[in-house]
Amino acid sequence: MAHRKAELLQALTKVRAHAARLEAALDPAHATVIGKAVWVGPAAREFVGELAGRRSRLRVLTQRIVEELEAQVQAIP
């Protein structure tokens, strides 16, 4: 059991690092389109809304992965 917990803790460390990179993956694109008038109009607004939604969804899903792995680690005595 201790070996399994150690493996899961090691995996959790890696997953947290990957999750942080995934969560930030769309930030540069999002900052570009909301920070400057690089593209305007209805299509641009629709794109920005979709990008923001995908960015938010990506963050939620990566957090779920981390939380599920944390729960597995905590379940081991």
PDB file of N, CA and C in Angstrom:
ATOM      1  N   MET A   1       0.815  -1.201   0.000  1.00  0.00           N
ATOM      2  CA  MET A   1       0.000   0.000   0.000  1.00  0.00           C
ATOM      3  C   MET A   1       0.858   1.264   0.000  1.00  0.00           C
ATOM      4  N   ALA A   2       1.884   1.284   0.818  1.00  0.00           N
ATOM      5  CA  ALA A   2       2.732   2.475   0.897  1.00  0.00           C
ATOM      6  C   ALA A   2       3.382   2.762  -0.451  1.00  0.00           C
ATOM      7  N   HIS A   3       3.772   1.708  -1.153  1.00  0.00           N
ATOM      8  CA  HIS A   3       4.383   1.870  -2.471  1.00  0.00           C
ATOM      9  C   HIS A   3       3.379   2.472  -3.451  1.00  0.00           C
ATOM     10  N   ARG A   4       2.150   1.994  -3.394  1.00  0.00           N
ATOM     11  CA  ARG A   4       1.091   2.500  -4.280  1.00  0.00           C
ATOM     12  C   ARG A   4       0.828   3.986  -3.991  1.00  0.00           C
ATOM     13  N   LYS A   5       0.778   4.337  -2.717  1.00  0.00           N
ATOM     14  CA  LYS A   5       0.542   5.727  -2.356  1.00  0.00           C
ATOM     15  C   LYS A   5       1.695   6.613  -2.837  1.00  0.00           C
ATOM     16  N   ALA A   6       2.910   6.130  -2.690  1.00  0.00           N
ATOM     17  CA  ALA A   6       4.068   6.894  -3.154  1.00  0.00           C
ATOM     18  C   ALA A   6       4.004   7.104  -4.671  1.00  0.00           C
ATOM     19  N   GLU A   7       3.600   6.075  -5.393  1.00  0.00           N
ATOM     20  CA  GLU A   7       3.464   6.196  -6.851  1.00  0.00           C
ATOM     21  C   GLU A   7       2.395   7.217  -7.213  1.00  0.00           C
ATOM     22  N   LEU A   8       1.264   7.156  -6.504  1.00  0.00           N
ATOM     23  CA  LEU A   8       0.188   8.106  -6.782  1.00  0.00           C
ATOM     24  C   LEU A   8       0.599   9.539  -6.443  1.00  0.00           C
ATOM     25  N   LEU A   9       1.339   9.721  -5.368  1.00  0.00           N
ATOM     26  CA  LEU A   9       1.819  11.061  -5.014  1.00  0.00           C
ATOM     27  C   LEU A   9       2.775  11.600  -6.072  1.00  0.00           C
ATOM     28  N   GLN A  10       3.607  10.729  -6.594  1.00  0.00           N
ATOM     29  CA  GLN A  10       4.527  11.127  -7.658  1.00  0.00           C
ATOM     30  C   GLN A  10       3.736  11.500  -8.918  1.00  0.00           C
ATOM     31  N   ALA A  11       2.733  10.693  -9.248  1.00  0.00           N
ATOM     32  CA  ALA A  11       1.889  10.984 -10.408  1.00  0.00           C
ATOM     33  C   ALA A  11       1.127  12.290 -10.197  1.00  0.00           C
ATOM     34  N   LEU A  12       0.654  12.515  -8.983  1.00  0.00           N
ATOM     35  CA  LEU A  12      -0.088  13.735  -8.675  1.00  0.00           C
ATOM     36  C   LEU A  12       0.779  14.971  -8.882  1.00  0.00           C
ATOM     37  N   THR A  13       2.020  14.896  -8.491  1.00  0.00           N
ATOM     38  CA  THR A  13       2.938  16.022  -8.700  1.00  0.00           C
ATOM     39  C   THR A  13       3.070  16.332 -10.189  1.00  0.00           C
ATOM     40  N   LYS A  14       3.233  15.294 -10.982  1.00  0.00           N
ATOM     41  CA  LYS A  14       3.353  15.484 -12.437  1.00  0.00           C
ATOM     42  C   LYS A  14       2.051  16.005 -13.034  1.00  0.00           C
ATOM     43  N   VAL A  15       0.932  15.448 -12.605  1.00  0.00           N
ATOM     44  CA  VAL A  15      -0.363  15.870 -13.127  1.00  0.00           C
ATOM     45  C   VAL A  15      -0.631  17.330 -12.789  1.00  0.00           C
ATOM     46  N   ARG A  16      -0.308  17.741 -11.584  1.00  0.00           N
ATOM     47  CA  ARG A  16      -0.499  19.150 -11.206  1.00  0.00           C
ATOM     48  C   ARG A  16       0.307  20.073 -12.124  1.00  0.00           C
ATOM     49  N   ALA A  17       1.534  19.696 -12.435  1.00  0.00           N
ATOM     50  CA  ALA A  17       2.374  20.521 -13.317  1.00  0.00           C
ATOM     51  C   ALA A  17       1.779  20.582 -14.725  1.00  0.00           C
ATOM     52  N   HIS A  18       1.355  19.439 -15.231  1.00  0.00           N
ATOM     53  CA  HIS A  18       0.742  19.408 -16.565  1.00  0.00           C
ATOM     54  C   HIS A  18      -0.569  20.180 -16.563  1.00  0.00           C
ATOM     55  N   ALA A  19      -1.350  20.043 -15.505  1.00  0.00           N
ATOM     56  CA  ALA A  19      -2.629  20.742 -15.405  1.00  0.00           C
ATOM     57  C   ALA A  19      -2.423  22.252 -15.431  1.00  0.00           C
ATOM     58  N   ALA A  20      -1.417  22.718 -14.733  1.00  0.00           N
ATOM     59  CA  ALA A  20      -1.132  24.164 -14.723  1.00  0.00           C
ATOM     60  C   ALA A  20      -0.814  24.660 -16.132  1.00  0.00           C
ATOM     61  N   ARG A  21      -0.047  23.885 -16.879  1.00  0.00           N
ATOM     62  CA  ARG A  21       0.275  24.274 -18.261  1.00  0.00           C
ATOM     63  C   ARG A  21      -0.966  24.225 -19.139  1.00  0.00           C
ATOM     64  N   LEU A  22      -1.796  23.210 -18.969  1.00  0.00           N
ATOM     65  CA  LEU A  22      -3.030  23.113 -19.747  1.00  0.00           C
ATOM     66  C   LEU A  22      -3.969  24.265 -19.434  1.00  0.00           C
ATOM     67  N   GLU A  23      -4.104  24.576 -18.141  1.00  0.00           N
ATOM     68  CA  GLU A  23      -5.001  25.651 -17.745  1.00  0.00           C
ATOM     69  C   GLU A  23      -4.586  26.988 -18.359  1.00  0.00           C
ATOM     70  N   ALA A  24      -3.301  27.176 -18.575  1.00  0.00           N
ATOM     71  CA  ALA A  24      -2.799  28.430 -19.123  1.00  0.00           C
ATOM     72  C   ALA A  24      -2.631  28.403 -20.643  1.00  0.00           C
ATOM     73  N   ALA A  25      -2.926  27.288 -21.272  1.00  0.00           N
ATOM     74  CA  ALA A  25      -2.654  27.114 -22.702  1.00  0.00           C
ATOM     75  C   ALA A  25      -3.372  28.138 -23.584  1.00  0.00           C
ATOM     76  N   LEU A  26      -4.579  28.502 -23.238  1.00  0.00           N
ATOM     77  CA  LEU A  26      -5.339  29.430 -24.067  1.00  0.00           C
ATOM     78  C   LEU A  26      -5.218  30.882 -23.606  1.00  0.00           C
ATOM     79  N   ASP A  27      -4.487  31.109 -22.540  1.00  0.00           N
ATOM     80  CA  ASP A  27      -4.346  32.470 -22.008  1.00  0.00           C
ATOM     81  C   ASP A  27      -3.724  33.445 -23.005  1.00  0.00           C
ATOM     82  N   PRO A  28      -2.641  33.093 -23.703  1.00  0.00           N
ATOM     83  CA  PRO A  28      -2.058  34.055 -24.648  1.00  0.00           C
ATOM     84  C   PRO A  28      -3.031  34.459 -25.761  1.00  0.00           C
ATOM     85  N   ALA A  29      -3.738  33.494 -26.315  1.00  0.00           N
ATOM     86  CA  ALA A  29      -4.709  33.815 -27.370  1.00  0.00           C
ATOM     87  C   ALA A  29      -5.830  34.681 -26.821  1.00  0.00           C
ATOM     88  N   HIS A  30      -6.302  34.332 -25.641  1.00  0.00           N
ATOM     89  CA  HIS A  30      -7.372  35.097 -25.020  1.00  0.00           C
ATOM     90  C   HIS A  30      -6.918  36.525 -24.741  1.00  0.00           C
ATOM     91  N   ALA A  31      -5.736  36.684 -24.201  1.00  0.00           N
ATOM     92  CA  ALA A  31      -5.207  38.020 -23.903  1.00  0.00           C
ATOM     93  C   ALA A  31      -5.041  38.842 -25.182  1.00  0.00           C
ATOM     94  N   THR A  32      -4.642  38.198 -26.260  1.00  0.00           N
ATOM     95  CA  THR A  32      -4.446  38.913 -27.523  1.00  0.00           C
ATOM     96  C   THR A  32      -5.762  39.461 -28.054  1.00  0.00           C
ATOM     97  N   VAL A  33      -6.796  38.634 -28.056  1.00  0.00           N
ATOM     98  CA  VAL A  33      -8.051  39.087 -28.663  1.00  0.00           C
ATOM     99  C   VAL A  33      -8.864  40.007 -27.761  1.00  0.00           C
ATOM    100  N   ILE A  34      -8.641  39.958 -26.446  1.00  0.00           N
ATOM    101  CA  ILE A  34      -9.393  40.890 -25.601  1.00  0.00           C
ATOM    102  C   ILE A  34      -8.581  42.127 -25.245  1.00  0.00           C
ATOM    103  N   GLY A  35      -7.280  42.066 -25.423  1.00  0.00           N
ATOM    104  CA  GLY A  35      -6.423  43.168 -25.012  1.00  0.00           C
ATOM    105  C   GLY A  35      -6.234  44.242 -26.058  1.00  0.00           C
ATOM    106  N   LYS A  36      -6.476  43.921 -27.306  1.00  0.00           N
ATOM    107  CA  LYS A  36      -6.241  44.868 -28.391  1.00  0.00           C
ATOM    108  C   LYS A  36      -7.381  44.746 -29.389  1.00  0.00           C
ATOM    109  N   ALA A  37      -7.557  45.773 -30.152  1.00  0.00           N
ATOM    110  CA  ALA A  37      -8.584  45.729 -31.201  1.00  0.00           C
ATOM    111  C   ALA A  37      -8.002  45.066 -32.447  1.00  0.00           C
ATOM    112  N   VAL A  38      -7.582  43.812 -32.304  1.00  0.00           N
ATOM    113  CA  VAL A  38      -6.990  43.100 -33.432  1.00  0.00           C
ATOM    114  C   VAL A  38      -8.049  42.559 -34.378  1.00  0.00           C
ATOM    115  N   TRP A  39      -9.262  42.432 -33.839  1.00  0.00           N
ATOM    116  CA  TRP A  39     -10.355  41.900 -34.640  1.00  0.00           C
ATOM    117  C   TRP A  39     -11.632  42.372 -33.976  1.00  0.00           C
ATOM    118  N   VAL A  40     -12.509  42.961 -34.726  1.00  0.00           N
ATOM    119  CA  VAL A  40     -13.743  43.502 -34.163  1.00  0.00           C
ATOM    120  C   VAL A  40     -14.940  43.024 -34.976  1.00  0.00           C
ATOM    121  N   GLY A  41     -16.098  43.197 -34.402  1.00  0.00           N
ATOM    122  CA  GLY A  41     -17.325  42.844 -35.099  1.00  0.00           C
ATOM    123  C   GLY A  41     -17.995  41.644 -34.474  1.00  0.00           C
ATOM    124  N   PRO A  42     -19.148  41.267 -35.025  1.00  0.00           N
ATOM    125  CA  PRO A  42     -19.920  40.159 -34.464  1.00  0.00           C
ATOM    126  C   PRO A  42     -19.172  38.832 -34.456  1.00  0.00           C
ATOM    127  N   ALA A  43     -18.464  38.534 -35.526  1.00  0.00           N
ATOM    128  CA  ALA A  43     -17.711  37.270 -35.575  1.00  0.00           C
ATOM    129  C   ALA A  43     -16.615  37.261 -34.528  1.00  0.00           C
ATOM    130  N   ALA A  44     -15.982  38.392 -34.328  1.00  0.00           N
ATOM    131  CA  ALA A  44     -14.928  38.493 -33.317  1.00  0.00           C
ATOM    132  C   ALA A  44     -15.508  38.295 -31.923  1.00  0.00           C
ATOM    133  N   ARG A  45     -16.638  38.917 -31.646  1.00  0.00           N
ATOM    134  CA  ARG A  45     -17.277  38.755 -30.336  1.00  0.00           C
ATOM    135  C   ARG A  45     -17.677  37.301 -30.099  1.00  0.00           C
ATOM    136  N   GLU A  46     -18.192  36.668 -31.138  1.00  0.00           N
ATOM    137  CA  GLU A  46     -18.572  35.251 -31.015  1.00  0.00           C
ATOM    138  C   GLU A  46     -17.337  34.394 -30.740  1.00  0.00           C
ATOM    139  N   PHE A  47     -16.249  34.666 -31.453  1.00  0.00           N
ATOM    140  CA  PHE A  47     -15.011  33.920 -31.255  1.00  0.00           C
ATOM    141  C   PHE A  47     -14.480  34.113 -29.844  1.00  0.00           C
ATOM    142  N   VAL A  48     -14.468  35.349 -29.366  1.00  0.00           N
ATOM    143  CA  VAL A  48     -13.967  35.632 -28.021  1.00  0.00           C
ATOM    144  C   VAL A  48     -14.818  34.905 -26.983  1.00  0.00           C
ATOM    145  N   GLY A  49     -16.118  34.906 -27.181  1.00  0.00           N
ATOM    146  CA  GLY A  49     -17.002  34.193 -26.260  1.00  0.00           C
ATOM    147  C   GLY A  49     -16.739  32.701 -26.263  1.00  0.00           C
ATOM    148  N   GLU A  50     -16.554  32.143 -27.441  1.00  0.00           N
ATOM    149  CA  GLU A  50     -16.261  30.707 -27.529  1.00  0.00           C
ATOM    150  C   GLU A  50     -14.905  30.387 -26.922  1.00  0.00           C
ATOM    151  N   LEU A  51     -13.917  31.217 -27.195  1.00  0.00           N
ATOM    152  CA  LEU A  51     -12.582  31.007 -26.636  1.00  0.00           C
ATOM    153  C   LEU A  51     -12.624  31.081 -25.115  1.00  0.00           C
ATOM    154  N   ALA A  52     -13.342  32.051 -24.577  1.00  0.00           N
ATOM    155  CA  ALA A  52     -13.453  32.181 -23.123  1.00  0.00           C
ATOM    156  C   ALA A  52     -14.145  30.955 -22.532  1.00  0.00           C
ATOM    157  N   GLY A  53     -15.176  30.470 -23.208  1.00  0.00           N
ATOM    158  CA  GLY A  53     -15.873  29.278 -22.735  1.00  0.00           C
ATOM    159  C   GLY A  53     -14.985  28.046 -22.754  1.00  0.00           C
ATOM    160  N   ARG A  54     -14.235  27.880 -23.811  1.00  0.00           N
ATOM    161  CA  ARG A  54     -13.322  26.732 -23.896  1.00  0.00           C
ATOM    162  C   ARG A  54     -12.207  26.832 -22.863  1.00  0.00           C
ATOM    163  N   ARG A  55     -11.731  28.031 -22.648  1.00  0.00           N
ATOM    164  CA  ARG A  55     -10.682  28.263 -21.645  1.00  0.00           C
ATOM    165  C   ARG A  55     -11.200  27.886 -20.256  1.00  0.00           C
ATOM    166  N   SER A  56     -12.401  28.304 -19.964  1.00  0.00           N
ATOM    167  CA  SER A  56     -13.018  27.986 -18.677  1.00  0.00           C
ATOM    168  C   SER A  56     -13.243  26.482 -18.535  1.00  0.00           C
ATOM    169  N   ARG A  57     -13.751  25.856 -19.571  1.00  0.00           N
ATOM    170  CA  ARG A  57     -14.014  24.411 -19.542  1.00  0.00           C
ATOM    171  C   ARG A  57     -12.715  23.628 -19.366  1.00  0.00           C
ATOM    172  N   LEU A  58     -11.667  24.048 -20.025  1.00  0.00           N
ATOM    173  CA  LEU A  58     -10.369  23.384 -19.893  1.00  0.00           C
ATOM    174  C   LEU A  58      -9.885  23.440 -18.452  1.00  0.00           C
ATOM    175  N   ARG A  59     -10.048  24.578 -17.812  1.00  0.00           N
ATOM    176  CA  ARG A  59      -9.642  24.734 -16.409  1.00  0.00           C
ATOM    177  C   ARG A  59     -10.452  23.814 -15.499  1.00  0.00           C
ATOM    178  N   VAL A  60     -11.750  23.753 -15.731  1.00  0.00           N
ATOM    179  CA  VAL A  60     -12.618  22.895 -14.917  1.00  0.00           C
ATOM    180  C   VAL A  60     -12.222  21.429 -15.070  1.00  0.00           C
ATOM    181  N   LEU A  61     -12.006  21.001 -16.292  1.00  0.00           N
ATOM    182  CA  LEU A  61     -11.668  19.593 -16.528  1.00  0.00           C
ATOM    183  C   LEU A  61     -10.307  19.217 -15.956  1.00  0.00           C
ATOM    184  N   THR A  62      -9.328  20.092 -16.077  1.00  0.00           N
ATOM    185  CA  THR A  62      -8.018  19.763 -15.505  1.00  0.00           C
ATOM    186  C   THR A  62      -8.094  19.706 -13.987  1.00  0.00           C
ATOM    187  N   GLN A  63      -8.892  20.590 -13.391  1.00  0.00           N
ATOM    188  CA  GLN A  63      -9.057  20.546 -11.938  1.00  0.00           C
ATOM    189  C   GLN A  63      -9.739  19.247 -11.502  1.00  0.00           C
ATOM    190  N   ARG A  64     -10.679  18.766 -12.283  1.00  0.00           N
ATOM    191  CA  ARG A  64     -11.330  17.493 -11.958  1.00  0.00           C
ATOM    192  C   ARG A  64     -10.327  16.345 -11.956  1.00  0.00           C
ATOM    193  N   ILE A  65      -9.434  16.348 -12.920  1.00  0.00           N
ATOM    194  CA  ILE A  65      -8.412  15.302 -12.983  1.00  0.00           C
ATOM    195  C   ILE A  65      -7.569  15.330 -11.714  1.00  0.00           C
ATOM    196  N   VAL A  66      -7.122  16.518 -11.339  1.00  0.00           N
ATOM    197  CA  VAL A  66      -6.300  16.662 -10.135  1.00  0.00           C
ATOM    198  C   VAL A  66      -7.088  16.218  -8.905  1.00  0.00           C
ATOM    199  N   GLU A  67      -8.334  16.649  -8.794  1.00  0.00           N
ATOM    200  CA  GLU A  67      -9.154  16.307  -7.634  1.00  0.00           C
ATOM    201  C   GLU A  67      -9.396  14.796  -7.542  1.00  0.00           C
ATOM    202  N   GLU A  68      -9.627  14.144  -8.668  1.00  0.00           N
ATOM    203  CA  GLU A  68      -9.842  12.699  -8.647  1.00  0.00           C
ATOM    204  C   GLU A  68      -8.587  11.955  -8.202  1.00  0.00           C
ATOM    205  N   LEU A  69      -7.443  12.406  -8.665  1.00  0.00           N
ATOM    206  CA  LEU A  69      -6.194  11.778  -8.253  1.00  0.00           C
ATOM    207  C   LEU A  69      -5.924  12.050  -6.777  1.00  0.00           C
ATOM    208  N   GLU A  70      -6.208  13.254  -6.320  1.00  0.00           N
ATOM    209  CA  GLU A  70      -6.057  13.566  -4.893  1.00  0.00           C
ATOM    210  C   GLU A  70      -6.954  12.666  -4.040  1.00  0.00           C
ATOM    211  N   ALA A  71      -8.163  12.431  -4.501  1.00  0.00           N
ATOM    212  CA  ALA A  71      -9.092  11.567  -3.771  1.00  0.00           C
ATOM    213  C   ALA A  71      -8.557  10.143  -3.686  1.00  0.00           C
ATOM    214  N   GLN A  72      -7.952   9.660  -4.755  1.00  0.00           N
ATOM    215  CA  GLN A  72      -7.364   8.319  -4.735  1.00  0.00           C
ATOM    216  C   GLN A  72      -6.223   8.246  -3.736  1.00  0.00           C
ATOM    217  N   VAL A  73      -5.402   9.279  -3.693  1.00  0.00           N
ATOM    218  CA  VAL A  73      -4.291   9.308  -2.742  1.00  0.00           C
ATOM    219  C   VAL A  73      -4.817   9.325  -1.319  1.00  0.00           C
ATOM    220  N   GLN A  74      -5.818  10.128  -1.054  1.00  0.00           N
ATOM    221  CA  GLN A  74      -6.368  10.228   0.289  1.00  0.00           C
ATOM    222  C   GLN A  74      -7.084   8.956   0.732  1.00  0.00           C
ATOM    223  N   ALA A  75      -7.558   8.179  -0.219  1.00  0.00           N
ATOM    224  CA  ALA A  75      -8.270   6.934   0.118  1.00  0.00           C
ATOM    225  C   ALA A  75      -7.334   5.829   0.597  1.00  0.00           C
ATOM    226  N   ILE A  76      -6.049   6.005   0.354  1.00  0.00           N
ATOM    227  CA  ILE A  76      -5.075   4.990   0.781  1.00  0.00           C
ATOM    228  C   ILE A  76      -4.584   5.369   2.177  1.00  0.00           C
ATOM    229  N   PRO A  77      -4.714   4.427   3.119  1.00  0.00           N
ATOM    230  CA  PRO A  77      -4.282   4.721   4.493  1.00  0.00           C
ATOM    231  C   PRO A  77      -2.765   4.869   4.617  1.00  0.00           C
TER     232      PRO A  77
END
